């Protein structure tokens, strides 16, 4: 299990970082925080899920004359370029 845990820690290091802060009582506190790019990908993924499953079907149902587009690869790649 030693090698698998090292591989898992290495892979997790891509997405998170360990931050050490000093608490008001003087103790050091280590926390694991997501990296900035992971936060951005989380927001984009959340938007894509909400649009695909909630907003687009509801808007298309109530306003069919506007033809709200479904998300395709060009939308996703455009959002990821903004990251």
N, C-alpha and C. Protein backbone atom coordinates (compact mmCIF):
# COMPACT_ATOMS: atom_id res chain seq x y z
N UNK A 1 0.82 -1.20 0.00
CA UNK A 1 0.00 0.00 0.00
C UNK A 1 0.86 1.25 0.00
N UNK A 2 2.12 1.15 0.28
CA UNK A 2 2.99 2.32 0.35
C UNK A 2 3.09 3.05 -0.98
N UNK A 3 3.25 2.31 -2.06
CA UNK A 3 3.40 2.95 -3.36
C UNK A 3 2.08 3.55 -3.84
N UNK A 4 0.97 2.88 -3.53
CA UNK A 4 -0.32 3.43 -3.95
C UNK A 4 -0.65 4.73 -3.22
N UNK A 5 -0.29 4.80 -1.95
CA UNK A 5 -0.55 6.05 -1.21
C UNK A 5 0.32 7.18 -1.73
N UNK A 6 1.55 6.88 -2.12
CA UNK A 6 2.42 7.92 -2.69
C UNK A 6 1.88 8.41 -4.03
N UNK A 7 1.37 7.51 -4.84
CA UNK A 7 0.79 7.91 -6.13
C UNK A 7 -0.46 8.74 -5.91
N UNK A 8 -1.29 8.34 -4.94
CA UNK A 8 -2.51 9.10 -4.65
C UNK A 8 -2.17 10.50 -4.13
N UNK A 9 -1.19 10.61 -3.25
CA UNK A 9 -0.78 11.93 -2.73
C UNK A 9 -0.22 12.80 -3.85
N UNK A 10 0.53 12.20 -4.76
CA UNK A 10 1.07 12.96 -5.88
C UNK A 10 -0.02 13.46 -6.81
N UNK A 11 -1.00 12.62 -7.07
CA UNK A 11 -2.12 13.03 -7.93
C UNK A 11 -2.97 14.09 -7.25
N UNK A 12 -3.17 13.96 -5.95
CA UNK A 12 -3.96 14.95 -5.21
C UNK A 12 -3.22 16.28 -5.14
N UNK A 13 -1.91 16.25 -5.17
CA UNK A 13 -1.12 17.49 -5.13
C UNK A 13 -1.35 18.39 -6.32
N UNK A 14 -1.85 17.83 -7.40
CA UNK A 14 -2.17 18.63 -8.58
C UNK A 14 -3.37 19.52 -8.30
N UNK A 15 -4.31 19.02 -7.51
CA UNK A 15 -5.57 19.71 -7.30
C UNK A 15 -5.65 20.50 -6.00
N UNK A 16 -4.90 20.12 -4.98
CA UNK A 16 -4.98 20.79 -3.69
C UNK A 16 -3.58 21.16 -3.21
N UNK A 17 -3.53 22.07 -2.23
CA UNK A 17 -2.27 22.45 -1.62
C UNK A 17 -2.47 22.53 -0.10
N UNK A 18 -1.40 22.29 0.64
CA UNK A 18 -1.46 22.35 2.09
C UNK A 18 -1.03 23.75 2.52
N UNK A 19 -1.87 24.39 3.32
CA UNK A 19 -1.61 25.75 3.80
C UNK A 19 -1.50 25.69 5.31
N UNK A 20 -0.41 26.25 5.84
CA UNK A 20 -0.21 26.28 7.29
C UNK A 20 -0.39 27.71 7.76
N UNK A 21 -1.27 27.89 8.75
CA UNK A 21 -1.50 29.21 9.33
C UNK A 21 -1.29 29.14 10.83
N UNK A 22 -1.16 30.29 11.44
CA UNK A 22 -1.00 30.36 12.89
C UNK A 22 -2.32 30.79 13.49
N UNK A 23 -2.83 29.97 14.41
CA UNK A 23 -4.09 30.27 15.08
C UNK A 23 -3.87 31.39 16.10
N UNK A 24 -4.94 32.03 16.58
CA UNK A 24 -4.79 33.11 17.56
C UNK A 24 -4.09 32.67 18.86
N UNK A 25 -4.19 31.39 19.19
CA UNK A 25 -3.53 30.91 20.41
C UNK A 25 -2.07 30.52 20.18
N UNK A 26 -1.57 30.66 18.97
CA UNK A 26 -0.17 30.41 18.66
C UNK A 26 0.11 29.05 18.06
N UNK A 27 -0.86 28.19 17.98
CA UNK A 27 -0.67 26.87 17.37
C UNK A 27 -0.68 26.97 15.86
N UNK A 28 0.11 26.11 15.23
CA UNK A 28 0.10 26.05 13.77
C UNK A 28 -1.02 25.12 13.32
N UNK A 29 -1.80 25.57 12.36
CA UNK A 29 -2.91 24.79 11.84
C UNK A 29 -2.69 24.54 10.35
N UNK A 30 -2.70 23.27 9.96
CA UNK A 30 -2.54 22.91 8.54
C UNK A 30 -3.91 22.58 7.96
N UNK A 31 -4.19 23.20 6.81
CA UNK A 31 -5.45 22.94 6.12
C UNK A 31 -5.13 22.61 4.67
N UNK A 32 -6.00 21.84 4.06
CA UNK A 32 -5.85 21.52 2.65
C UNK A 32 -6.85 22.37 1.89
N UNK A 33 -6.36 23.14 0.93
CA UNK A 33 -7.20 24.05 0.15
C UNK A 33 -7.07 23.72 -1.34
N UNK A 34 -8.15 23.93 -2.09
CA UNK A 34 -8.05 23.70 -3.54
C UNK A 34 -7.22 24.79 -4.21
N UNK A 35 -6.56 24.43 -5.26
CA UNK A 35 -5.79 25.42 -6.03
C UNK A 35 -6.76 26.32 -6.79
N UNK A 36 -6.27 27.47 -7.26
CA UNK A 36 -7.13 28.46 -7.92
C UNK A 36 -7.77 27.89 -9.19
N UNK A 37 -7.02 27.13 -9.96
CA UNK A 37 -7.58 26.56 -11.19
C UNK A 37 -8.69 25.56 -10.88
N UNK A 38 -8.56 24.84 -9.79
CA UNK A 38 -9.59 23.87 -9.41
C UNK A 38 -10.86 24.60 -8.99
N UNK A 39 -10.71 25.74 -8.31
CA UNK A 39 -11.87 26.54 -7.95
C UNK A 39 -12.60 27.02 -9.21
N UNK A 40 -11.83 27.50 -10.18
CA UNK A 40 -12.43 27.96 -11.43
C UNK A 40 -13.14 26.84 -12.17
N UNK A 41 -12.50 25.67 -12.23
CA UNK A 41 -13.15 24.53 -12.88
C UNK A 41 -14.41 24.11 -12.14
N UNK A 42 -14.42 24.25 -10.83
CA UNK A 42 -15.62 23.94 -10.06
C UNK A 42 -16.76 24.87 -10.39
N UNK A 43 -16.48 26.17 -10.51
CA UNK A 43 -17.52 27.14 -10.87
C UNK A 43 -18.04 26.89 -12.27
N UNK A 44 -17.15 26.60 -13.20
CA UNK A 44 -17.57 26.34 -14.59
C UNK A 44 -18.39 25.06 -14.66
N UNK A 45 -17.95 24.02 -13.97
CA UNK A 45 -18.70 22.77 -13.96
C UNK A 45 -20.08 22.96 -13.34
N UNK A 46 -20.13 23.72 -12.25
CA UNK A 46 -21.43 24.00 -11.62
C UNK A 46 -22.36 24.74 -12.56
N UNK A 47 -21.83 25.75 -13.27
CA UNK A 47 -22.64 26.48 -14.23
C UNK A 47 -23.15 25.56 -15.34
N UNK A 48 -22.28 24.71 -15.85
CA UNK A 48 -22.67 23.81 -16.93
C UNK A 48 -23.77 22.85 -16.48
N UNK A 49 -23.67 22.35 -15.26
CA UNK A 49 -24.69 21.42 -14.76
C UNK A 49 -26.02 22.14 -14.57
N UNK A 50 -25.98 23.33 -13.97
CA UNK A 50 -27.22 24.09 -13.76
C UNK A 50 -27.85 24.46 -15.09
N UNK A 51 -27.06 24.91 -16.05
CA UNK A 51 -27.60 25.28 -17.36
C UNK A 51 -28.22 24.08 -18.06
N UNK A 52 -27.49 22.96 -18.07
CA UNK A 52 -27.93 21.80 -18.84
C UNK A 52 -29.18 21.15 -18.26
N UNK A 53 -29.26 21.04 -16.93
CA UNK A 53 -30.35 20.29 -16.32
C UNK A 53 -31.50 21.17 -15.82
N UNK A 54 -31.27 22.46 -15.60
CA UNK A 54 -32.33 23.29 -15.03
C UNK A 54 -32.69 24.45 -15.96
N UNK A 55 -31.76 25.34 -16.22
CA UNK A 55 -32.10 26.58 -16.93
C UNK A 55 -32.53 26.36 -18.38
N UNK A 56 -31.75 25.63 -19.14
CA UNK A 56 -32.06 25.46 -20.56
C UNK A 56 -33.39 24.75 -20.78
N UNK A 57 -33.69 23.65 -20.07
CA UNK A 57 -35.01 23.03 -20.30
C UNK A 57 -36.18 23.93 -19.89
N UNK A 58 -36.04 24.64 -18.77
CA UNK A 58 -37.14 25.50 -18.31
C UNK A 58 -37.33 26.66 -19.28
N UNK A 59 -36.24 27.31 -19.68
CA UNK A 59 -36.36 28.44 -20.61
C UNK A 59 -36.88 27.99 -21.97
N UNK A 60 -36.43 26.84 -22.44
CA UNK A 60 -36.91 26.34 -23.73
C UNK A 60 -38.39 25.95 -23.67
N UNK A 61 -38.85 25.50 -22.52
CA UNK A 61 -40.25 25.13 -22.38
C UNK A 61 -41.15 26.37 -22.37
N UNK A 62 -40.77 27.38 -21.59
CA UNK A 62 -41.62 28.55 -21.45
C UNK A 62 -41.44 29.59 -22.55
N UNK A 63 -40.28 29.61 -23.20
CA UNK A 63 -40.02 30.56 -24.28
C UNK A 63 -39.46 29.82 -25.50
N UNK A 64 -40.28 29.01 -26.18
CA UNK A 64 -39.76 28.23 -27.31
C UNK A 64 -39.38 29.10 -28.51
N UNK A 65 -39.91 30.31 -28.58
CA UNK A 65 -39.60 31.16 -29.72
C UNK A 65 -38.14 31.65 -29.72
N UNK A 66 -37.46 31.61 -28.57
CA UNK A 66 -36.09 32.10 -28.50
C UNK A 66 -35.05 31.02 -28.76
N UNK A 67 -35.41 29.79 -28.72
CA UNK A 67 -34.54 28.65 -29.02
C UNK A 67 -33.22 28.73 -28.25
N UNK A 68 -33.28 28.57 -26.94
CA UNK A 68 -32.08 28.58 -26.12
C UNK A 68 -31.22 27.37 -26.48
N UNK A 69 -29.95 27.60 -26.74
CA UNK A 69 -29.11 26.50 -27.22
C UNK A 69 -28.72 25.53 -26.11
N UNK A 70 -28.61 24.27 -26.47
CA UNK A 70 -28.03 23.29 -25.56
C UNK A 70 -26.52 23.48 -25.58
N UNK A 71 -25.87 23.08 -24.53
CA UNK A 71 -24.42 23.22 -24.47
C UNK A 71 -23.76 22.18 -25.35
N UNK A 72 -22.81 22.63 -26.13
CA UNK A 72 -22.03 21.71 -26.93
C UNK A 72 -20.55 21.99 -26.66
N UNK A 73 -19.69 21.35 -27.42
CA UNK A 73 -18.26 21.46 -27.14
C UNK A 73 -17.74 22.89 -27.32
N UNK A 74 -18.31 23.66 -28.23
CA UNK A 74 -17.83 25.03 -28.44
C UNK A 74 -18.11 25.91 -27.20
N UNK A 75 -19.27 25.71 -26.54
CA UNK A 75 -19.56 26.45 -25.31
C UNK A 75 -18.57 26.07 -24.21
N UNK A 76 -18.35 24.79 -24.07
CA UNK A 76 -17.46 24.31 -23.01
C UNK A 76 -16.04 24.81 -23.24
N UNK A 77 -15.55 24.72 -24.46
CA UNK A 77 -14.19 25.18 -24.74
C UNK A 77 -14.09 26.69 -24.58
N UNK A 78 -15.13 27.44 -24.92
CA UNK A 78 -15.11 28.87 -24.71
C UNK A 78 -15.07 29.24 -23.23
N UNK A 79 -15.81 28.52 -22.41
CA UNK A 79 -15.77 28.77 -20.97
C UNK A 79 -14.41 28.41 -20.38
N UNK A 80 -13.82 27.32 -20.84
CA UNK A 80 -12.53 26.93 -20.33
C UNK A 80 -11.41 27.87 -20.78
N UNK A 81 -11.58 28.53 -21.91
CA UNK A 81 -10.59 29.52 -22.33
C UNK A 81 -10.55 30.72 -21.38
N UNK A 82 -11.70 31.02 -20.76
CA UNK A 82 -11.75 32.12 -19.82
C UNK A 82 -11.07 31.79 -18.50
N UNK A 83 -10.74 30.55 -18.28
CA UNK A 83 -10.11 30.14 -17.03
C UNK A 83 -8.67 30.50 -17.10
